Amino acid sequence: MPKMKEDMAYSTYKVPPHNLEAEQAIVGGILINNDALNQVVDILSGEDFYRDAHALIFEGMLTLYNRDDPVDVITLSQVLKEKGVLDKVGGTDYLASLAEATATSAGIMYHSEIVKDLSTRRNLISQCSHISEVCFQLANDTEEILDSAEQSIFEIAERNIDQNFLPLNEVVKKSFKKIEATTGSNITGISTGFTDFDNLTSGLQPSDFIIIAGRPSMGKTALALNIAYNAALEDKVGVA
């Protein structure tokens, strides 16, 4: 029993598990390569960061991401200023230092897994501490404590599972963002060469069955030839 008390007292003074270097590598990596955010946006949230400044910075990045705005020191400083938290994160100087200290974003997935794992551990520690306090209150029903403990642990486990499942509208939105980041355009199919038409349709898609209808001598053949010409010349697609 004395040993148990010593362990409990010792655990009270332990620093929760965290890795500030991994957190800095993530936000710094995104600042030097916006495409890196696409890799971690489904894995991490601001709550997963141990340092409050990093949590606020990441949430600011998500705000810019959802606006389809670029993420850099200037835009991030502005959005954090709008939220009234720029000084809390260390100001523009700290944001600039994060970008300067990060050589590459190549390891961002590995770093995000570290941060996510440690976040889960901190949540478990917090819940277990709460369960321990409740257990010392003898007026509480044991069965209710067990049910509550099971539910709280299950919720933590569920967060790690849920990150792999997203609503369809979010999947589509994220997919388009990744395509735009890769191609630099919102045209996901074959461009027709007609900008307004491409913006409405995102280009010609493999599943499309397109009929060009109109009265005689209204330019149907000319339109079709223009589309075929653009596909063959610009997109290097064979036409027949």
Protein backbone atom coordinates (compact mmCIF):
# COMPACT_ATOMS: atom_id res chain seq x y z
CA MET A 1 0.00 0.00 0.00
CA PRO A 2 2.79 2.55 0.80
CA LYS A 3 4.35 1.81 -2.61
CA MET A 4 0.99 2.49 -4.31
CA LYS A 5 0.72 5.83 -2.53
CA GLU A 6 4.25 6.74 -3.60
CA ASP A 7 3.44 5.90 -7.23
CA MET A 8 0.26 7.99 -7.13
CA ALA A 9 2.06 10.95 -5.54
CA TYR A 10 4.88 10.67 -8.07
CA SER A 11 2.46 10.59 -11.01
CA THR A 12 0.93 13.86 -9.83
CA TYR A 13 4.17 15.68 -10.63
CA LYS A 14 4.86 14.03 -13.98
CA VAL A 15 4.80 16.22 -17.07
CA PRO A 16 2.20 14.98 -19.59
CA PRO A 17 3.80 13.26 -22.61
CA HIS A 18 4.48 15.63 -25.50
CA ASN A 19 6.99 16.41 -28.24
CA LEU A 20 7.40 20.11 -28.96
CA GLU A 21 9.93 19.45 -31.73
CA ALA A 22 7.38 17.35 -33.64
CA GLU A 23 4.73 20.05 -33.18
CA GLN A 24 7.12 22.72 -34.47
CA ALA A 25 8.06 20.53 -37.44
CA ILE A 26 4.39 20.20 -38.40
CA VAL A 27 3.43 23.88 -38.32
CA GLY A 28 6.80 24.89 -39.76
CA GLY A 29 6.46 22.33 -42.54
CA ILE A 30 3.05 23.69 -43.50
CA LEU A 31 4.41 27.25 -43.62
CA ILE A 32 7.09 26.26 -46.15
CA ASN A 33 4.88 23.83 -48.09
CA ASN A 34 1.10 24.34 -48.05
CA ASP A 35 0.56 20.96 -49.72
CA ALA A 36 1.72 19.35 -46.46
CA LEU A 37 -1.50 20.52 -44.79
CA ASN A 38 -3.48 18.23 -47.10
CA GLN A 39 -1.64 15.27 -45.58
CA VAL A 40 -2.48 16.01 -41.94
CA VAL A 41 -5.82 17.85 -42.09
CA ASP A 42 -7.73 14.57 -41.59
CA ILE A 43 -5.44 13.40 -38.77
CA LEU A 44 -4.86 16.34 -36.46
CA SER A 45 -6.91 19.05 -34.78
CA GLY A 46 -5.79 21.97 -32.66
CA GLU A 47 -6.62 19.97 -29.52
CA ASP A 48 -3.88 17.45 -30.35
CA PHE A 49 -1.10 19.99 -29.76
CA TYR A 50 0.39 20.24 -26.27
CA ARG A 51 1.59 23.83 -26.49
CA ASP A 52 -1.31 26.28 -26.66
CA ALA A 53 0.57 28.46 -29.15
CA HIS A 54 0.92 25.56 -31.58
CA ALA A 55 -2.76 24.68 -31.19
CA LEU A 56 -3.79 28.25 -32.02
CA ILE A 57 -1.38 28.37 -34.98
CA PHE A 58 -2.72 25.11 -36.41
CA GLU A 59 -6.33 26.28 -35.99
CA GLY A 60 -5.41 29.48 -37.82
CA MET A 61 -3.96 27.38 -40.63
CA LEU A 62 -7.21 25.41 -40.85
CA THR A 63 -9.14 28.69 -41.09
CA LEU A 64 -7.03 29.72 -44.09
CA TYR A 65 -7.33 26.22 -45.57
CA ASN A 66 -11.13 26.36 -45.40
CA ARG A 67 -11.07 29.77 -47.08
CA ASP A 68 -8.85 28.41 -49.89
CA ASP A 69 -6.28 31.05 -48.91
CA PRO A 70 -2.50 30.47 -48.95
CA VAL A 71 -0.85 29.74 -45.62
CA ASP A 72 2.24 31.86 -45.02
CA VAL A 73 3.64 34.05 -42.25
CA ILE A 74 1.74 37.11 -43.48
CA THR A 75 -1.69 35.51 -43.99
CA LEU A 76 -1.38 33.47 -40.79
CA SER A 77 -0.39 36.54 -38.78
CA GLN A 78 -3.45 38.34 -40.12
CA VAL A 79 -5.92 35.58 -39.28
CA LEU A 80 -4.43 35.16 -35.78
CA LYS A 81 -4.66 38.92 -35.31
CA GLU A 82 -8.33 38.79 -36.34
CA LYS A 83 -8.88 36.11 -33.70
CA GLY A 84 -7.06 38.24 -31.12
CA VAL A 85 -4.41 35.60 -30.39
CA LEU A 86 -1.36 36.76 -32.37
CA ASP A 87 0.48 37.92 -29.25
CA LYS A 88 -0.43 34.68 -27.43
CA VAL A 89 1.43 32.58 -30.01
CA GLY A 90 4.56 34.72 -29.86
CA GLY A 91 3.78 37.19 -32.62
CA THR A 92 4.95 37.29 -36.21
CA ASP A 93 8.55 36.73 -35.11
CA TYR A 94 7.74 33.28 -33.74
CA LEU A 95 5.86 32.31 -36.91
CA ALA A 96 8.84 33.40 -39.00
CA SER A 97 11.22 31.44 -36.77
CA LEU A 98 9.14 28.28 -37.27
CA ALA A 99 9.42 28.58 -41.05
CA GLU A 100 13.13 29.37 -40.90
CA ALA A 101 13.90 26.47 -38.56
CA THR A 102 12.16 23.89 -40.77
CA ALA A 103 14.27 22.56 -43.63
CA THR A 104 11.66 20.27 -45.17
CA SER A 105 8.09 19.03 -44.74
CA ALA A 106 8.99 15.51 -45.88
CA GLY A 107 8.49 13.97 -42.42
CA ILE A 108 5.18 15.64 -41.62
CA MET A 109 3.18 12.39 -41.62
CA TYR A 110 5.63 10.77 -39.19
CA HIS A 111 5.56 13.85 -36.95
CA SER A 112 1.75 14.00 -37.03
CA GLU A 113 1.54 10.38 -35.90
CA ILE A 114 3.80 11.21 -32.96
CA VAL A 115 1.69 14.22 -31.96
CA LYS A 116 -1.57 12.27 -32.34
CA ASP A 117 -0.27 9.36 -30.27
CA LEU A 118 0.89 11.63 -27.45
CA SER A 119 -2.42 13.50 -27.56
CA THR A 120 -4.25 10.20 -27.07
CA ARG A 121 -2.00 9.37 -24.13
CA ARG A 122 -2.70 12.75 -22.50
CA ASN A 123 -6.43 12.22 -22.92
CA LEU A 124 -6.13 8.80 -21.32
CA ILE A 125 -4.14 10.23 -18.41
CA SER A 126 -6.74 12.94 -17.88
CA GLN A 127 -9.65 10.49 -17.94
CA CYS A 128 -7.88 8.01 -15.68
CA SER A 129 -7.15 10.77 -13.17
CA HIS A 130 -10.82 11.71 -13.20
CA ILE A 131 -11.84 8.07 -12.75
CA SER A 132 -9.42 7.79 -9.82
CA GLU A 133 -10.93 10.84 -8.10
CA VAL A 134 -14.45 9.49 -8.56
CA CYS A 135 -13.43 6.13 -7.09
CA PHE A 136 -12.29 7.81 -3.88
CA GLN A 137 -15.77 9.28 -3.42
CA LEU A 138 -17.45 6.31 -1.73
CA ALA A 139 -20.92 7.77 -2.21
CA ASN A 140 -20.68 7.03 -5.95
CA ASP A 141 -22.17 3.77 -7.19
CA THR A 142 -19.50 1.33 -8.39
CA GLU A 143 -21.50 0.15 -11.39
CA GLU A 144 -22.05 3.74 -12.49
CA ILE A 145 -18.34 4.43 -12.14
CA LEU A 146 -17.55 1.40 -14.32
CA ASP A 147 -20.07 2.46 -16.97
CA SER A 148 -18.75 6.01 -17.01
CA ALA A 149 -15.14 4.84 -17.16
CA GLU A 150 -15.88 2.48 -20.03
CA GLN A 151 -17.68 5.21 -21.96
CA SER A 152 -14.93 7.79 -21.49
CA ILE A 153 -12.19 5.38 -22.62
CA PHE A 154 -14.32 4.27 -25.57
CA GLU A 155 -14.77 7.90 -26.67
CA ILE A 156 -11.00 8.37 -26.76
CA ALA A 157 -10.56 5.20 -28.80
CA GLU A 158 -13.38 6.27 -31.12
CA ARG A 159 -11.62 9.54 -31.97
CA ASN A 160 -8.73 7.60 -33.47
CA ILE A 161 -11.15 5.48 -35.51
CA ASP A 162 -13.38 8.35 -36.63
CA GLN A 163 -10.50 10.26 -38.19
CA ASN A 164 -10.55 7.72 -41.03
CA PHE A 165 -14.26 8.23 -41.77
CA LEU A 166 -15.60 11.52 -43.12
CA PRO A 167 -18.95 12.70 -44.52
CA LEU A 168 -19.12 12.47 -48.32
CA ASN A 169 -19.32 16.25 -48.80
CA GLU A 170 -16.09 16.68 -46.81
CA VAL A 171 -14.37 13.94 -48.82
CA VAL A 172 -15.33 15.64 -52.09
CA LYS A 173 -14.22 19.05 -50.83
CA LYS A 174 -10.87 17.73 -49.62
CA SER A 175 -10.34 15.78 -52.86
CA PHE A 176 -10.89 18.91 -54.94
CA LYS A 177 -8.45 20.83 -52.75
CA LYS A 178 -5.80 18.15 -53.27
CA ILE A 179 -6.40 18.15 -57.04
CA GLU A 180 -6.17 21.93 -57.18
CA ALA A 181 -2.99 21.87 -55.10
CA THR A 182 -1.45 19.32 -57.46
CA THR A 183 -2.57 20.78 -60.79
CA GLY A 184 -2.93 24.44 -59.88
CA SER A 185 -6.42 24.40 -61.42
CA ASN A 186 -10.00 23.51 -60.54
CA ILE A 187 -10.32 21.62 -63.85
CA THR A 188 -10.36 17.94 -62.93
CA GLY A 189 -11.16 16.62 -66.39
CA ILE A 190 -10.16 17.56 -69.95
CA SER A 191 -10.32 21.28 -70.68
CA THR A 192 -12.56 22.33 -73.57
CA GLY A 193 -10.69 25.57 -74.09
CA PHE A 194 -13.81 27.54 -73.16
CA THR A 195 -13.09 29.01 -69.71
CA ASP A 196 -16.68 29.66 -68.59
CA PHE A 197 -17.78 26.19 -69.65
CA ASP A 198 -14.80 24.57 -67.89
CA ASN A 199 -15.53 26.49 -64.68
CA LEU A 200 -19.12 25.22 -64.72
CA THR A 201 -18.26 21.59 -65.50
CA SER A 202 -14.67 21.18 -64.21
CA GLY A 203 -13.84 19.94 -67.70
CA LEU A 204 -14.94 16.85 -69.61
CA GLN A 205 -15.10 13.77 -67.38
CA PRO A 206 -14.63 10.12 -68.44
CA SER A 207 -18.21 9.28 -67.40
CA ASP A 208 -19.76 12.13 -69.42
CA PHE A 209 -21.97 11.49 -72.47
CA ILE A 210 -22.13 14.85 -74.20
CA ILE A 211 -24.56 15.84 -76.95
CA ILE A 212 -24.08 19.11 -78.82
CA ALA A 213 -27.57 20.08 -79.97
CA GLY A 214 -28.76 23.02 -82.03
CA ARG A 215 -30.42 24.13 -85.24
CA PRO A 216 -28.64 23.58 -88.58
CA SER A 217 -25.71 25.91 -89.35
CA MET A 218 -25.48 27.16 -85.74
CA GLY A 219 -21.85 26.06 -85.23
CA LYS A 220 -22.21 22.61 -83.67
CA THR A 221 -19.43 21.10 -85.79
CA ALA A 222 -17.15 24.09 -85.23
CA LEU A 223 -17.66 23.85 -81.46
CA ALA A 224 -16.95 20.12 -81.46
CA LEU A 225 -13.80 20.61 -83.56
CA ASN A 226 -12.58 23.37 -81.24
CA ILE A 227 -13.05 21.13 -78.21
CA ALA A 228 -11.31 18.22 -79.96
CA TYR A 229 -8.46 20.49 -81.09
CA ASN A 230 -7.93 21.84 -77.57
CA ALA A 231 -8.02 18.34 -76.06
CA ALA A 232 -5.47 17.05 -78.57
CA LEU A 233 -3.14 20.04 -78.45
CA GLU A 234 -3.31 21.26 -74.85
CA ASP A 235 -4.12 18.10 -72.89
CA LYS A 236 -2.35 15.74 -75.30
CA VAL A 237 -5.42 13.48 -75.49
CA GLY A 238 -6.11 11.39 -78.57
CA VAL A 239 -9.33 12.25 -80.43
CA ALA A 240 -11.17 10.54 -83.26
